[in-house]
Amino acid sequence: MNNTTIIQKLSELNYNGAKAAYIRQSEDIHYQNLSFNERFYNLLEAQEIYLANQKISMLQKLSKIKDKQASIANIDYLPKRKINKQLILELASMNFIKSYQNVIVSGCTGSGKSFAIQALGNRAIENGYRTYYIRVPTLLEEIKIARATGTYINTLKKYQRFQLLILDDFGISQMSSDDAINLLEILEDRVQVNSTIIASQLQVTNW
């Protein structure tokens, strides 16, 4: 049995990570110094990493996060911004998701709210959490359409299943009583089940 046959079988099984690792082993003479178990474990580990990266890629696409490069490491902690670095690092641990807690981020326009919440969203995805980002005005319009087309229950279920829901631009425009009820129903379904981040220009006392 030659290398081509093995590579073909790995392709048929869709073991793309293991296939890439096997090709590396075949081309690098240093791998010949390893035992069979070591080389086999290397293939398994490569496949595991490949599947993890595939999952992250899928979650990123599903999330609708605009800034895929937003990172906790790139948050600017200049004194004038008055950002609590310790709190950000605590949130970055994702313990709030594990505990089904919610986060409110408030600040004026241009203060970096959207970057921070998207950075947290990207970190959540890296940790394997199903995450979704949407602006509140867009969400409210989607709910209106869902009610009109008879798909409201499905829309509620859609937003319930995300382990982290990121709602940006809350309070950017006046909400009707119907809008408020619709938003509360989305949030109520998530209480003690999943976590939500809400970003707003308004201080909570003005909500």
Protein backbone atom coordinates (compact mmCIF):
# COMPACT_ATOMS: atom_id res chain seq x y z
CA MET A 1 0.00 0.00 0.00
CA ASN A 2 1.48 3.35 -1.04
CA ASN A 3 1.06 6.92 0.20
CA THR A 4 -1.34 7.84 -2.60
CA THR A 5 -3.81 5.15 -1.52
CA ILE A 6 -3.73 6.32 2.09
CA ILE A 7 -4.14 9.97 1.11
CA GLN A 8 -7.06 9.06 -1.13
CA LYS A 9 -8.74 7.15 1.71
CA LEU A 10 -8.25 10.08 4.10
CA SER A 11 -9.86 12.34 1.49
CA GLU A 12 -12.81 9.97 1.08
CA LEU A 13 -13.33 9.99 4.85
CA ASN A 14 -13.05 13.79 4.89
CA TYR A 15 -10.18 13.58 7.40
CA ASN A 16 -8.59 16.69 5.95
CA GLY A 17 -6.60 17.59 9.04
CA ALA A 18 -5.14 14.10 9.31
CA LYS A 19 -4.46 14.09 5.55
CA ALA A 20 -2.45 17.32 5.72
CA ALA A 21 -0.49 15.94 8.69
CA TYR A 22 0.15 12.64 6.89
CA ILE A 23 1.50 14.48 3.86
CA ARG A 24 3.82 16.46 6.13
CA GLN A 25 5.02 13.23 7.71
CA SER A 26 5.68 11.73 4.29
CA GLU A 27 7.73 14.73 3.18
CA ASP A 28 9.69 15.33 6.42
CA ILE A 29 12.36 12.72 7.22
CA HIS A 30 12.41 13.80 10.88
CA TYR A 31 9.07 12.04 11.39
CA GLN A 32 10.79 8.72 10.59
CA ASN A 33 12.49 8.95 13.98
CA LEU A 34 9.12 8.81 15.73
CA SER A 35 7.37 5.64 16.77
CA PHE A 36 4.17 4.46 15.09
CA ASN A 37 2.13 5.57 18.12
CA GLU A 38 3.72 9.03 18.06
CA ARG A 39 3.07 9.49 14.37
CA PHE A 40 -0.48 8.18 14.68
CA TYR A 41 -1.17 10.50 17.62
CA ASN A 42 0.12 13.39 15.52
CA LEU A 43 -2.49 12.56 12.86
CA LEU A 44 -5.28 12.40 15.45
CA GLU A 45 -4.20 15.70 16.99
CA ALA A 46 -4.05 17.38 13.57
CA GLN A 47 -7.59 16.19 12.80
CA GLU A 48 -8.82 17.47 16.16
CA ILE A 49 -7.31 20.91 15.52
CA TYR A 50 -8.77 20.95 12.02
CA LEU A 51 -12.28 20.19 13.32
CA ALA A 52 -11.96 22.84 16.04
CA ASN A 53 -10.94 25.44 13.46
CA GLN A 54 -13.81 24.40 11.21
CA LYS A 55 -16.23 24.88 14.10
CA ILE A 56 -14.84 28.33 14.85
CA SER A 57 -15.13 29.29 11.19
CA MET A 58 -18.75 28.13 11.11
CA LEU A 59 -19.59 29.98 14.34
CA GLN A 60 -17.95 33.14 13.03
CA LYS A 61 -20.04 33.04 9.88
CA LEU A 62 -23.21 32.34 11.85
CA SER A 63 -22.55 35.15 14.35
CA LYS A 64 -22.95 38.05 11.89
CA ILE A 65 -20.23 39.89 13.84
CA LYS A 66 -19.01 42.66 11.57
CA ASP A 67 -15.49 43.05 12.94
CA LYS A 68 -14.01 39.57 12.84
CA GLN A 69 -10.65 41.01 13.92
CA ALA A 70 -11.97 42.70 17.07
CA SER A 71 -9.87 41.32 19.91
CA ILE A 72 -9.69 41.72 23.68
CA ALA A 73 -5.95 42.23 23.30
CA ASN A 74 -6.54 45.31 21.14
CA ILE A 75 -8.85 47.18 23.53
CA ASP A 76 -7.34 50.58 24.37
CA TYR A 77 -7.22 51.33 28.10
CA LEU A 78 -6.24 55.00 27.93
CA PRO A 79 -7.17 56.75 31.23
CA LYS A 80 -9.59 59.13 29.50
CA ARG A 81 -11.68 56.16 28.35
CA LYS A 82 -12.22 55.01 31.94
CA ILE A 83 -12.41 51.33 30.97
CA ASN A 84 -12.01 48.85 33.82
CA LYS A 85 -9.34 46.50 32.47
CA GLN A 86 -9.80 43.98 35.25
CA LEU A 87 -13.51 43.77 34.49
CA ILE A 88 -12.84 43.27 30.76
CA LEU A 89 -10.40 40.47 31.52
CA GLU A 90 -12.94 38.85 33.82
CA LEU A 91 -15.57 39.00 31.07
CA ALA A 92 -12.98 37.56 28.64
CA SER A 93 -12.80 34.45 30.84
CA MET A 94 -16.37 33.72 29.66
CA ASN A 95 -17.48 32.89 33.20
CA PHE A 96 -20.51 35.12 32.70
CA ILE A 97 -21.71 32.81 29.90
CA LYS A 98 -21.15 29.73 32.03
CA SER A 99 -23.24 31.38 34.76
CA TYR A 100 -25.96 32.64 32.36
CA GLN A 101 -25.24 36.23 33.38
CA ASN A 102 -25.87 39.33 31.27
CA VAL A 103 -23.71 42.37 30.51
CA ILE A 104 -24.62 46.00 29.88
CA VAL A 105 -22.13 48.29 28.15
CA SER A 106 -22.93 52.00 28.07
CA GLY A 107 -21.05 55.00 26.74
CA CYS A 108 -21.24 57.89 24.33
CA THR A 109 -20.85 57.59 20.56
CA GLY A 110 -17.28 56.74 19.56
CA SER A 111 -16.34 55.33 22.96
CA GLY A 112 -15.60 51.89 21.53
CA LYS A 113 -18.65 50.00 22.77
CA SER A 114 -19.19 48.12 19.51
CA PHE A 115 -15.54 47.10 19.29
CA ALA A 116 -15.53 45.83 22.88
CA ILE A 117 -18.71 43.78 22.57
CA GLN A 118 -17.61 42.31 19.25
CA ALA A 119 -14.24 41.44 20.81
CA LEU A 120 -16.11 39.59 23.56
CA GLY A 121 -18.21 37.91 20.89
CA ASN A 122 -15.12 36.75 19.03
CA ARG A 123 -13.65 35.42 22.27
CA ALA A 124 -16.88 33.53 22.95
CA ILE A 125 -16.69 31.96 19.49
CA GLU A 126 -13.07 30.93 20.11
CA ASN A 127 -14.39 29.12 23.18
CA GLY A 128 -17.02 27.31 21.13
CA TYR A 129 -20.12 29.32 22.12
CA ARG A 130 -22.90 29.96 19.61
CA THR A 131 -22.92 33.74 19.31
CA TYR A 132 -25.04 36.23 17.40
CA TYR A 133 -24.62 39.98 16.89
CA ILE A 134 -27.43 42.29 15.81
CA ARG A 135 -28.39 45.94 16.16
CA VAL A 136 -31.58 46.45 18.17
CA PRO A 137 -33.34 48.46 15.40
CA THR A 138 -32.67 45.59 12.99
CA LEU A 139 -33.93 43.04 15.51
CA LEU A 140 -37.14 44.98 16.14
CA GLU A 141 -37.82 45.24 12.40
CA GLU A 142 -37.23 41.50 12.03
CA ILE A 143 -39.73 40.79 14.81
CA LYS A 144 -42.35 43.03 13.16
CA ILE A 145 -41.96 41.12 9.91
CA ALA A 146 -42.11 37.79 11.78
CA ARG A 147 -45.40 38.76 13.44
CA ALA A 148 -46.84 39.81 10.08
CA THR A 149 -45.78 36.60 8.34
CA GLY A 150 -46.70 34.18 11.13
CA THR A 151 -43.12 33.19 11.90
CA TYR A 152 -42.86 34.91 15.29
CA ILE A 153 -42.55 31.70 17.35
CA ASN A 154 -39.72 30.49 15.13
CA THR A 155 -37.99 33.85 15.53
CA LEU A 156 -38.21 33.56 19.32
CA LYS A 157 -36.71 30.06 19.15
CA LYS A 158 -33.95 31.33 16.87
CA TYR A 159 -32.78 33.90 19.40
CA GLN A 160 -33.24 31.61 22.37
CA ARG A 161 -30.72 29.08 21.13
CA PHE A 162 -27.70 31.41 20.96
CA GLN A 163 -25.50 31.01 24.02
CA LEU A 164 -24.48 34.64 23.66
CA LEU A 165 -26.73 37.25 22.05
CA ILE A 166 -25.14 40.66 21.45
CA LEU A 167 -27.58 43.54 21.06
CA ASP A 168 -25.94 46.75 19.84
CA ASP A 169 -27.36 50.29 19.64
CA PHE A 170 -30.12 49.83 22.19
CA GLY A 171 -32.07 53.08 22.65
CA ILE A 172 -30.58 54.74 19.59
CA SER A 173 -34.12 55.63 18.50
CA GLN A 174 -37.51 55.91 20.17
CA MET A 175 -39.23 52.56 20.75
CA SER A 176 -42.95 52.03 20.65
CA SER A 177 -44.70 50.04 23.38
CA ASP A 178 -44.99 47.14 20.91
CA ASP A 179 -41.25 47.29 20.26
CA ALA A 180 -40.55 47.23 23.98
CA ILE A 181 -42.81 44.20 24.49
CA ASN A 182 -41.21 42.37 21.56
CA LEU A 183 -37.70 43.01 22.89
CA LEU A 184 -38.67 41.96 26.42
CA GLU A 185 -40.09 38.68 25.11
CA ILE A 186 -36.78 37.93 23.39
CA LEU A 187 -34.88 38.70 26.59
CA GLU A 188 -37.31 36.88 28.87
CA ASP A 189 -36.82 33.64 26.96
CA ARG A 190 -33.09 33.88 27.63
CA VAL A 191 -33.16 34.51 31.39
CA GLN A 192 -31.25 31.80 33.29
CA VAL A 193 -30.83 29.94 29.99
CA ASN A 194 -28.27 31.92 27.99
CA SER A 195 -26.37 35.21 28.20
CA THR A 196 -26.99 38.57 26.56
CA ILE A 197 -24.80 41.64 26.05
CA ILE A 198 -26.58 44.96 25.50
CA ALA A 199 -24.71 48.07 24.34
CA SER A 200 -26.31 51.50 24.56
CA GLN A 201 -25.49 55.19 24.45
CA LEU A 202 -27.97 55.65 27.29
CA GLN A 203 -27.12 55.21 30.92
CA VAL A 204 -29.26 52.50 32.52
CA THR A 205 -31.04 55.09 34.66
CA ASN A 206 -32.43 56.61 31.44
CA TRP A 207 -33.82 53.37 30.06
